Amino acid sequence: MTANVLAVHGGTPLCGEVSVRGAKNFVPKAMVATLLTAAPCRISGVPDIRDVAVVRELLELHGVRVGDQAPGELLLEPRDVELANVADIDAHAGSSRVPILLVGPLLHRIGQAFVPDLGGCRIGDRPIDFHLFALRSFGAEVDKRPDGLHITAPQGLTGTTFELPYPSVGATEQVLLTAVLARGRTELRNAAIEPEIIDLICVLQKMGAVIGVDTDRVIRIDGVDRLGGFTHRALPDRIEAGSWAAAALATGGDIYVRGARQVDMMTFLNVFRRLGGAFEVDPTPGHEGIRFYHPGGDLRPVALETDVHPGLMTDWQQPLVVALTQAAGLSIVHETVYENRFGFTEALVAMGATIQVYQECLGGSPCRFGARNFLHSAAISGPAKLHAAELTIPDLRGGFSYVIAALAAEGSSTLHGVSLIDRGYEGFLDKLAALGARFDVLG
């Protein structure tokens, strides 16, 4: 069910069951990894979201045959990889930033790649400098032209050693996807170690890669001559699971998230409990999940700080802020990953929330944004009596948060740009309806 404008009627707790499939931040990258081999690859747990569709289209443009084997299962056959038409890549990439990750695999397979202007959610600076630095370190040559970046590797790619100034997930993925077939050893320091990164390493290891991860954020990759296919079930989407958990708190509801895994969400679960939420972990093999619910009484204010894994994930911040508007007291949130992720709070204030944003690093140690005039800390006073409003969705996670705020508010809100949520939440409106949410599709 696709829609772009909704009338959301608030005041009803969300109750029931939803399921989560594979992680949005993993599945597209595993799909890209298939370019590293000529052998068939099978991925299950694939969510039906826009980001997956974009990568599928890009792979098909490059000659990969992609077939649906069963609901949530893809068979990718990358035997005949070729260079796609520049205009087609530009047209199909849309706002996705995944094309930059195709570069390393394409350089290995066909010796050249093209990257159009990149988009994504406007939540902060997402430079591709780290990616280009890594590619050049491997021996790639980057030619910047008006239509985008044309990248070649006349001498092939050779392993390298460097340190990231910040543990960027995208740059770490770039290094992994490029180093596995590069000549010699690659050593990456200050690497990202998110669960989605580890799952990508598992895929590459199944293909024949040799990758070691040290406890001090150092990843070492020994390049191999060739890689084979793989069969892999994606880890569940911990961001979506946390989003529904926050929705249960904000609306006073009770949601069982089938597929949610405790091991991936330990930091979130600690915050959820401190905030006053309750959860029950279902360990049944093959049917695991977590029940998230509001146990009654007042929610408690907390001080939060987002960080790279194993810290509190930045993508959990926005849904949690909506829940924090209902806590009795003053909460502090310090965002250290994306500098502009509090823009969505203006709409919450218009709905009756009491939120102030600051340039200073509140509630924790100084971060890299503290001296750069970014509004990256927030003080939230509650509980707030939210009321209906007309809202325009700014980004993926902010969009989910607006919908939850509208469901927690009194009256009927109108939300524009709802289709943006399809980028990362499978069957979003169907799941809302199954949880008892009241809404009308206006367009």
Protein backbone atom coordinates (compact mmCIF):
# COMPACT_ATOMS: atom_id res chain seq x y z
CA MET A 1 0.00 0.00 0.00
CA THR A 2 1.63 3.24 -1.15
CA ALA A 3 0.53 6.72 -0.21
CA ASN A 4 2.04 10.18 -0.01
CA VAL A 5 -0.54 12.11 2.06
CA LEU A 6 -2.20 10.75 5.19
CA ALA A 7 -4.77 11.97 7.67
CA VAL A 8 -3.66 10.42 10.96
CA HIS A 9 -6.17 10.29 13.81
CA GLY A 10 -4.50 10.30 17.21
CA GLY A 11 -5.42 8.98 20.62
CA THR A 12 -5.30 5.22 20.03
CA PRO A 13 -2.55 3.05 21.57
CA LEU A 14 -0.73 0.84 19.06
CA CYS A 15 -1.28 -2.80 20.01
CA GLY A 16 -0.60 -6.05 18.17
CA GLU A 17 2.20 -7.75 16.27
CA VAL A 18 4.52 -6.70 13.44
CA SER A 19 7.42 -8.52 11.80
CA VAL A 20 10.79 -7.21 10.70
CA ARG A 21 12.86 -8.69 7.90
CA GLY A 22 16.48 -8.05 6.96
CA ALA A 23 18.21 -4.81 7.86
CA LYS A 24 18.00 -1.90 5.44
CA ASN A 25 21.60 -1.06 6.34
CA PHE A 26 22.79 -4.54 5.37
CA VAL A 27 20.76 -6.11 2.55
CA PRO A 28 21.66 -3.57 -0.19
CA LYS A 29 25.37 -3.99 0.66
CA ALA A 30 25.13 -7.79 0.47
CA MET A 31 23.49 -7.37 -2.93
CA VAL A 32 26.41 -5.21 -4.05
CA ALA A 33 28.84 -7.91 -2.86
CA THR A 34 27.49 -10.25 -5.55
CA LEU A 35 29.40 -8.18 -8.12
CA LEU A 36 32.60 -9.67 -6.67
CA THR A 37 31.84 -13.11 -8.11
CA ALA A 38 30.47 -14.78 -11.21
CA ALA A 39 28.71 -17.44 -9.14
CA PRO A 40 25.04 -17.39 -8.07
CA CYS A 41 24.22 -15.80 -4.72
CA ARG A 42 21.11 -16.22 -2.60
CA ILE A 43 19.87 -13.76 0.06
CA SER A 44 16.83 -14.36 2.26
CA GLY A 45 15.06 -12.07 4.69
CA VAL A 46 15.05 -9.33 2.05
CA PRO A 47 12.67 -6.47 2.92
CA ASP A 48 10.35 -4.99 0.31
CA ILE A 49 11.64 -1.42 0.57
CA ARG A 50 12.65 1.24 -1.91
CA ASP A 51 16.39 1.08 -1.13
CA VAL A 52 16.44 -2.62 -2.08
CA ALA A 53 14.54 -1.89 -5.29
CA VAL A 54 17.07 0.81 -6.26
CA VAL A 55 20.03 -1.54 -5.79
CA ARG A 56 18.25 -4.27 -7.71
CA GLU A 57 17.72 -1.88 -10.61
CA LEU A 58 21.37 -0.77 -10.54
CA LEU A 59 22.62 -4.36 -10.52
CA GLU A 60 20.35 -5.28 -13.42
CA LEU A 61 21.70 -2.30 -15.36
CA HIS A 62 25.16 -3.81 -14.88
CA GLY A 63 24.11 -7.20 -16.23
CA VAL A 64 23.22 -9.03 -13.03
CA ARG A 65 20.17 -11.27 -13.29
CA VAL A 66 17.99 -10.86 -10.19
CA GLY A 67 15.10 -13.25 -9.54
CA ASP A 68 12.53 -13.63 -6.77
CA GLN A 69 12.72 -17.19 -5.47
CA ALA A 70 10.14 -16.74 -2.71
CA PRO A 71 8.77 -13.86 -0.64
CA GLY A 72 11.82 -12.12 0.81
CA GLU A 73 14.33 -14.25 -1.11
CA LEU A 74 16.50 -13.17 -4.04
CA LEU A 75 18.70 -15.18 -6.37
CA LEU A 76 21.37 -13.02 -8.00
CA GLU A 77 23.38 -14.29 -10.96
CA PRO A 78 26.30 -11.94 -11.72
CA ARG A 79 27.97 -13.99 -14.45
CA ASP A 80 27.88 -11.31 -17.17
CA VAL A 81 28.73 -8.01 -15.46
CA GLU A 82 29.08 -5.03 -17.79
CA LEU A 83 29.33 -1.25 -17.65
CA ALA A 84 25.91 0.40 -17.49
CA ASN A 85 24.89 3.49 -19.43
CA VAL A 86 25.75 6.66 -17.48
CA ALA A 87 22.33 8.19 -18.02
CA ASP A 88 20.62 5.01 -16.83
CA ILE A 89 22.69 4.90 -13.64
CA ASP A 90 21.86 8.53 -12.93
CA ALA A 91 18.14 7.95 -13.55
CA HIS A 92 17.87 4.83 -11.40
CA ALA A 93 20.11 5.87 -8.49
CA GLY A 94 17.68 8.56 -7.34
CA SER A 95 18.48 9.63 -3.79
CA SER A 96 20.34 6.42 -2.92
CA ARG A 97 23.99 6.64 -1.89
CA VAL A 98 24.68 2.99 -2.70
CA PRO A 99 26.28 3.63 -6.16
CA ILE A 100 29.54 4.66 -4.46
CA LEU A 101 29.76 1.13 -3.00
CA LEU A 102 29.58 -0.48 -6.45
CA VAL A 103 32.89 1.09 -7.41
CA GLY A 104 35.36 -1.36 -5.86
CA PRO A 105 33.57 -4.50 -7.09
CA LEU A 106 33.12 -3.01 -10.58
CA LEU A 107 36.79 -2.04 -10.78
CA HIS A 108 37.69 -5.65 -10.03
CA ARG A 109 35.20 -7.09 -12.53
CA ILE A 110 35.36 -4.69 -15.48
CA GLY A 111 38.00 -2.08 -14.62
CA GLN A 112 35.75 0.99 -14.53
CA ALA A 113 32.78 2.51 -12.71
CA PHE A 114 30.60 5.62 -12.67
CA VAL A 115 29.07 7.45 -9.71
CA PRO A 116 26.38 10.14 -10.22
CA ASP A 117 25.60 12.91 -7.74
CA LEU A 118 24.55 11.26 -4.49
CA GLY A 119 21.52 11.95 -2.34
CA GLY A 120 20.13 10.52 0.88
CA CYS A 121 18.37 11.97 3.91
CA ARG A 122 19.32 15.53 4.80
CA ILE A 123 20.37 14.88 8.36
CA GLY A 124 23.96 16.04 8.14
CA ASP A 125 27.09 16.07 6.04
CA ARG A 126 27.76 12.73 4.36
CA PRO A 127 30.87 13.41 2.31
CA ILE A 128 32.24 10.76 -0.02
CA ASP A 129 35.78 12.00 0.66
CA PHE A 130 36.46 8.94 2.84
CA HIS A 131 35.33 6.69 -0.01
CA LEU A 132 37.44 8.44 -2.63
CA PHE A 133 40.48 8.50 -0.34
CA ALA A 134 40.13 4.76 0.17
CA LEU A 135 39.70 4.05 -3.54
CA ARG A 136 42.72 6.17 -4.46
CA SER A 137 44.75 4.39 -1.75
CA PHE A 138 43.97 1.10 -3.51
CA GLY A 139 45.21 2.57 -6.80
CA ALA A 140 42.01 3.84 -8.40
CA GLU A 141 42.01 6.97 -10.55
CA VAL A 142 39.07 9.36 -10.10
CA ASP A 143 38.05 11.71 -12.91
CA LYS A 144 35.51 14.34 -11.81
CA ARG A 145 33.26 15.43 -14.69
CA PRO A 146 30.04 17.44 -14.84
CA ASP A 147 27.91 14.29 -14.95
CA GLY A 148 29.64 12.62 -11.98
CA LEU A 149 32.74 10.59 -11.15
CA HIS A 150 34.36 8.29 -13.71
CA ILE A 151 36.68 5.86 -11.92
CA THR A 152 39.22 3.48 -13.39
CA ALA A 153 42.05 1.22 -12.16
CA PRO A 154 44.60 0.88 -15.01
CA GLN A 155 47.08 -1.04 -12.85
CA GLY A 156 44.51 -2.97 -10.83
CA LEU A 157 43.97 -2.52 -7.09
CA THR A 158 46.54 -3.17 -4.35
CA GLY A 159 46.03 -3.52 -0.59
CA THR A 160 46.71 -0.49 1.54
CA THR A 161 46.91 0.74 5.14
CA PHE A 162 45.12 3.77 6.51
CA GLU A 163 43.06 5.07 9.41
CA LEU A 164 39.62 6.62 9.23
CA PRO A 165 39.29 9.94 11.10
CA TYR A 166 35.83 8.74 12.16
CA PRO A 167 34.47 5.16 12.17
CA SER A 168 32.26 5.70 9.13
CA VAL A 169 29.99 2.78 8.25
CA GLY A 170 29.97 3.60 4.54
CA ALA A 171 33.74 4.00 4.28
CA THR A 172 34.28 0.73 6.16
CA GLU A 173 31.94 -1.04 3.72
CA GLN A 174 33.85 0.53 0.83
CA VAL A 175 37.15 -0.84 2.12
CA LEU A 176 35.73 -4.33 2.71
CA LEU A 177 34.16 -4.56 -0.74
CA THR A 178 37.35 -3.32 -2.41
CA ALA A 179 40.05 -5.05 -0.34
CA VAL A 180 38.82 -8.64 -0.63
CA LEU A 181 40.10 -8.97 -4.22
CA ALA A 182 42.96 -6.42 -4.02
CA ARG A 183 46.56 -7.67 -4.19
CA GLY A 184 48.12 -8.15 -0.76
CA ARG A 185 46.91 -7.11 2.69
CA THR A 186 44.71 -4.17 3.65
CA GLU A 187 44.65 -2.80 7.20
CA LEU A 188 41.88 -0.40 8.21
CA ARG A 189 42.12 1.37 11.56
CA ASN A 190 39.23 3.04 13.40
CA ALA A 191 36.75 0.96 11.43
CA ALA A 192 33.02 0.78 12.07
CA ILE A 193 31.95 -2.47 13.77
CA GLU A 194 28.14 -2.23 13.64
CA PRO A 195 26.23 -5.55 13.49
CA GLU A 196 25.46 -4.83 9.84
CA ILE A 197 29.21 -4.55 9.14
CA ILE A 198 29.87 -7.87 10.86
CA ASP A 199 27.08 -9.51 8.84
CA LEU A 200 28.64 -8.17 5.63
CA ILE A 201 31.98 -9.65 6.73
CA CYS A 202 30.17 -12.98 7.25
CA VAL A 203 28.89 -12.83 3.67
CA LEU A 204 32.35 -12.04 2.29
CA GLN A 205 33.88 -14.84 4.35
CA LYS A 206 31.31 -17.27 2.91
CA MET A 207 32.48 -16.13 -0.54
CA GLY A 208 36.08 -17.01 0.31
CA ALA A 209 37.46 -13.75 1.74
CA VAL A 210 40.01 -13.69 4.57
CA ILE A 211 39.04 -10.97 7.05
CA GLY A 212 40.07 -10.46 10.67
CA VAL A 213 38.44 -8.05 13.13
CA ASP A 214 40.44 -6.97 16.18
CA THR A 215 38.99 -5.59 19.42
CA ASP A 216 40.57 -2.17 18.79
CA ARG A 217 38.55 -1.40 15.62
CA VAL A 218 41.26 -2.71 13.31
CA ILE A 219 40.16 -4.82 10.33
CA ARG A 220 42.72 -6.74 8.28
CA ILE A 221 41.85 -8.18 4.89
CA ASP A 222 44.09 -10.51 2.88
CA GLY A 223 43.19 -10.23 -0.77
CA VAL A 224 42.34 -13.44 -2.62
CA ASP A 225 42.37 -14.30 -6.33
CA ARG A 226 38.70 -15.11 -6.68
CA LEU A 227 35.45 -15.31 -4.73
CA GLY A 228 32.52 -17.69 -4.98
CA GLY A 229 28.80 -17.43 -4.36
CA PHE A 230 26.95 -17.49 -1.05
CA THR A 231 23.67 -18.26 0.66
CA HIS A 232 22.83 -15.98 3.55
CA ARG A 233 19.90 -14.89 5.73
CA ALA A 234 20.09 -11.21 6.60
CA LEU A 235 20.18 -10.11 10.22
CA PRO A 236 16.88 -8.45 11.26
CA ASP A 237 16.45 -4.69 11.10
CA ARG A 238 17.23 -3.40 14.59
CA ILE A 239 16.34 0.17 13.56
CA GLU A 240 12.80 -0.79 12.60
CA ALA A 241 12.44 -2.88 15.75
CA GLY A 242 13.51 0.07 17.91
CA SER A 243 11.16 2.38 16.03
CA TRP A 244 8.13 0.21 16.82
CA ALA A 245 9.29 -0.06 20.42
CA ALA A 246 9.37 3.73 20.74
CA ALA A 247 5.93 3.87 19.12
CA ALA A 248 4.57 1.54 21.82
CA LEU A 249 5.86 3.91 24.52
CA ALA A 250 4.73 7.13 22.86
CA THR A 251 1.16 5.88 22.33
CA GLY A 252 0.83 3.87 25.54
CA GLY A 253 0.67 0.66 23.53
CA ASP A 254 1.88 -2.94 23.42
CA ILE A 255 3.72 -4.22 20.33
CA TYR A 256 5.29 -7.62 19.73
CA VAL A 257 8.08 -7.27 17.14
CA ARG A 258 8.65 -10.68 15.61
CA GLY A 259 12.21 -11.04 14.38
CA ALA A 260 13.75 -8.54 16.80
CA ARG A 261 16.90 -9.90 18.43
CA GLN A 262 18.12 -9.01 21.91
CA VAL A 263 21.80 -9.34 21.01
CA ASP A 264 21.51 -6.58 18.39
CA MET A 265 19.53 -4.23 20.65
CA MET A 266 21.16 -4.45 24.08
CA THR A 267 22.03 -0.73 24.25
CA PHE A 268 18.54 0.23 23.11
CA LEU A 269 16.89 -2.13 25.58
CA ASN A 270 18.78 -0.55 28.48
CA VAL A 271 17.55 2.90 27.43
CA PHE A 272 14.01 1.59 26.92
CA ARG A 273 13.95 0.19 30.45
CA ARG A 274 15.45 3.34 32.01
CA LEU A 275 12.77 5.37 30.25
CA GLY A 276 10.08 3.29 31.94
CA GLY A 277 9.23 0.89 29.17
CA ALA A 278 8.91 -2.86 29.64
CA PHE A 279 9.93 -5.69 27.32
CA GLU A 280 9.87 -9.47 27.17
CA VAL A 281 12.30 -11.45 25.02
CA ASP A 282 10.90 -14.48 23.20
CA PRO A 283 13.85 -16.86 22.58
CA THR A 284 11.91 -19.47 20.59
CA PRO A 285 14.33 -20.68 17.86
CA GLY A 286 13.17 -19.58 14.43
CA HIS A 287 10.37 -17.48 15.91
CA GLU A 288 12.25 -15.12 18.18
CA GLY A 289 10.97 -11.64 18.92
CA ILE A 290 10.57 -9.00 21.61
CA ARG A 291 7.38 -7.64 23.14
CA PHE A 292 7.64 -3.89 23.88
CA TYR A 293 4.96 -2.25 25.99
CA HIS A 294 4.05 0.69 28.21
CA PRO A 295 3.47 -0.82 31.68
CA GLY A 296 1.46 2.15 32.97
CA GLY A 297 2.44 5.06 35.14
CA ASP A 298 4.76 7.91 34.21
CA LEU A 299 7.67 7.52 31.83
CA ARG A 300 10.99 8.67 33.30
CA PRO A 301 13.31 11.34 31.85
CA VAL A 302 16.76 10.18 30.74
CA ALA A 303 20.04 11.58 29.43
CA LEU A 304 21.07 10.01 26.10
CA GLU A 305 24.08 10.26 23.84
CA THR A 306 24.20 8.69 20.40
CA ASP A 307 27.42 7.09 19.24
CA VAL A 308 28.85 4.52 16.88
CA HIS A 309 28.37 0.87 17.84
CA PRO A 310 28.29 -0.34 20.58
CA GLY A 311 26.81 3.04 21.60
CA LEU A 312 23.21 4.13 21.13
CA MET A 313 22.44 4.09 17.42
CA THR A 314 21.66 7.50 15.91
CA ASP A 315 18.71 6.04 13.95
CA TRP A 316 16.97 5.23 17.24
CA GLN A 317 17.22 8.83 18.42
CA GLN A 318 14.32 10.41 16.54
CA PRO A 319 11.61 7.87 17.52
CA LEU A 320 12.91 7.96 21.10
CA VAL A 321 12.62 11.75 21.22
CA VAL A 322 8.88 11.41 20.52
CA ALA A 323 8.59 9.00 23.46
CA LEU A 324 10.64 11.40 25.62
CA THR A 325 8.05 14.15 25.07
CA GLN A 326 5.77 11.98 27.23
CA ALA A 327 8.29 11.49 30.10
CA ALA A 328 7.69 13.37 33.35
CA GLY A 329 10.69 15.67 33.68
CA LEU A 330 13.69 16.94 31.74
CA SER A 331 15.50 14.68 29.27
CA ILE A 332 18.78 15.47 27.51
CA VAL A 333 19.81 14.08 24.13
CA HIS A 334 23.30 14.63 22.70
CA GLU A 335 23.65 13.69 19.00
CA THR A 336 27.26 12.90 18.06
CA VAL A 337 26.86 11.09 14.71
CA TYR A 338 24.89 13.48 12.45
CA GLU A 339 25.07 17.19 13.10
CA ASN A 340 21.65 18.18 11.72
CA ARG A 341 19.41 15.45 13.07
CA PHE A 342 17.30 17.70 15.32
CA GLY A 343 15.62 19.63 12.52
CA PHE A 344 12.55 17.40 12.92
CA THR A 345 11.93 18.74 16.45
CA GLU A 346 10.48 22.01 15.09
CA ALA A 347 7.37 20.11 14.04
CA LEU A 348 7.09 18.45 17.45
CA VAL A 349 7.26 21.88 19.10
CA ALA A 350 4.46 23.04 16.78
CA MET A 351 2.44 20.08 18.10
CA GLY A 352 2.91 21.17 21.70
CA ALA A 353 6.21 19.55 22.74
CA THR A 354 8.68 21.52 24.83
CA ILE A 355 12.05 21.03 23.15
CA GLN A 356 15.03 23.34 23.05
CA VAL A 357 18.09 22.66 20.90
CA TYR A 358 21.62 23.83 21.66
CA GLN A 359 25.03 24.16 20.04
CA GLU A 360 26.73 22.95 23.21
CA CYS A 361 27.48 19.30 23.96
CA LEU A 362 24.90 18.57 26.67
CA GLY A 363 24.77 15.54 28.88
CA GLY A 364 28.09 14.00 27.90
CA SER A 365 31.65 14.52 26.79
CA PRO A 366 32.51 17.07 24.06
CA CYS A 367 32.10 15.75 20.51
CA ARG A 368 33.35 16.78 17.06
CA PHE A 369 30.33 19.08 16.54
CA GLY A 370 30.74 21.07 19.76
CA ALA A 371 32.80 23.92 18.31
CA ARG A 372 31.13 24.09 14.90
CA ASN A 373 27.85 25.91 15.64
CA PHE A 374 25.62 22.90 15.01
CA LEU A 375 22.39 22.48 16.98
CA HIS A 376 23.21 18.94 18.06
CA SER A 377 21.90 18.73 21.64
CA ALA A 378 18.30 18.85 22.85
CA ALA A 379 16.51 19.37 26.15
CA ILE A 380 13.01 17.84 26.23
CA SER A 381 10.57 18.70 29.00
CA GLY A 382 7.46 16.61 29.53
CA PRO A 383 4.96 15.20 29.63
CA ALA A 384 3.60 17.24 26.74
CA LYS A 385 0.02 17.23 25.54
CA LEU A 386 0.51 16.89 21.79
CA HIS A 387 -2.11 18.24 19.41
CA ALA A 388 -2.75 17.68 15.71
CA ALA A 389 -0.84 19.59 13.03
CA GLU A 390 -0.08 19.67 9.31
CA LEU A 391 3.37 18.15 8.78
CA THR A 392 5.80 17.57 5.91
CA ILE A 393 8.10 14.60 6.39
CA PRO A 394 11.79 15.67 6.25
CA ASP A 395 13.65 12.33 6.14
CA LEU A 396 13.21 8.60 6.69
CA ARG A 397 13.52 8.32 10.48
CA GLY A 398 12.02 11.74 11.08
CA GLY A 399 9.07 10.65 8.97
CA PHE A 400 8.40 7.62 11.16
CA SER A 401 8.66 9.90 14.19
CA TYR A 402 6.10 12.34 12.78
CA VAL A 403 3.61 9.53 12.22
CA ILE A 404 4.05 8.29 15.79
CA ALA A 405 3.73 11.82 17.16
CA ALA A 406 0.50 12.23 15.19
CA LEU A 407 -0.84 8.96 16.61
CA ALA A 408 0.03 10.12 20.14
CA ALA A 409 -1.60 13.54 19.64
CA GLU A 410 -5.17 14.67 20.09
CA GLY A 411 -7.08 15.24 16.86
CA SER A 412 -6.31 14.50 13.22
CA SER A 413 -2.99 15.47 11.62
CA THR A 414 -2.20 15.71 7.91
CA LEU A 415 1.17 14.30 6.85
CA HIS A 416 2.76 15.00 3.47
CA GLY A 417 5.62 13.04 1.89
CA VAL A 418 4.75 9.74 3.55
CA SER A 419 6.16 7.75 0.61
CA LEU A 420 9.65 8.62 1.83
CA ILE A 421 9.12 6.14 4.67
CA ASP A 422 8.97 3.31 2.08
CA ARG A 423 12.76 3.67 1.74
CA GLY A 424 13.32 1.82 4.99
CA TYR A 425 10.06 0.41 6.43
CA GLU A 426 8.45 -2.54 4.69
CA GLY A 427 4.67 -2.44 4.47
CA PHE A 428 4.56 0.56 6.79
CA LEU A 429 0.88 1.43 6.38
CA ASP A 430 -0.22 -2.21 6.52
CA LYS A 431 1.65 -2.64 9.79
CA LEU A 432 0.11 0.54 11.21
CA ALA A 433 -3.34 -0.73 10.32
CA ALA A 434 -2.61 -4.12 11.93
CA LEU A 435 -1.65 -2.30 15.15
CA GLY A 436 -4.97 -0.46 15.27
CA ALA A 437 -3.78 2.92 14.00
CA ARG A 438 -6.54 5.08 12.55
CA PHE A 439 -5.66 6.93 9.35
CA ASP A 440 -7.01 7.82 5.92
CA VAL A 441 -5.08 7.92 2.67
CA LEU A 442 -5.62 11.33 1.06
CA GLY A 443 -3.28 11.03 -1.88
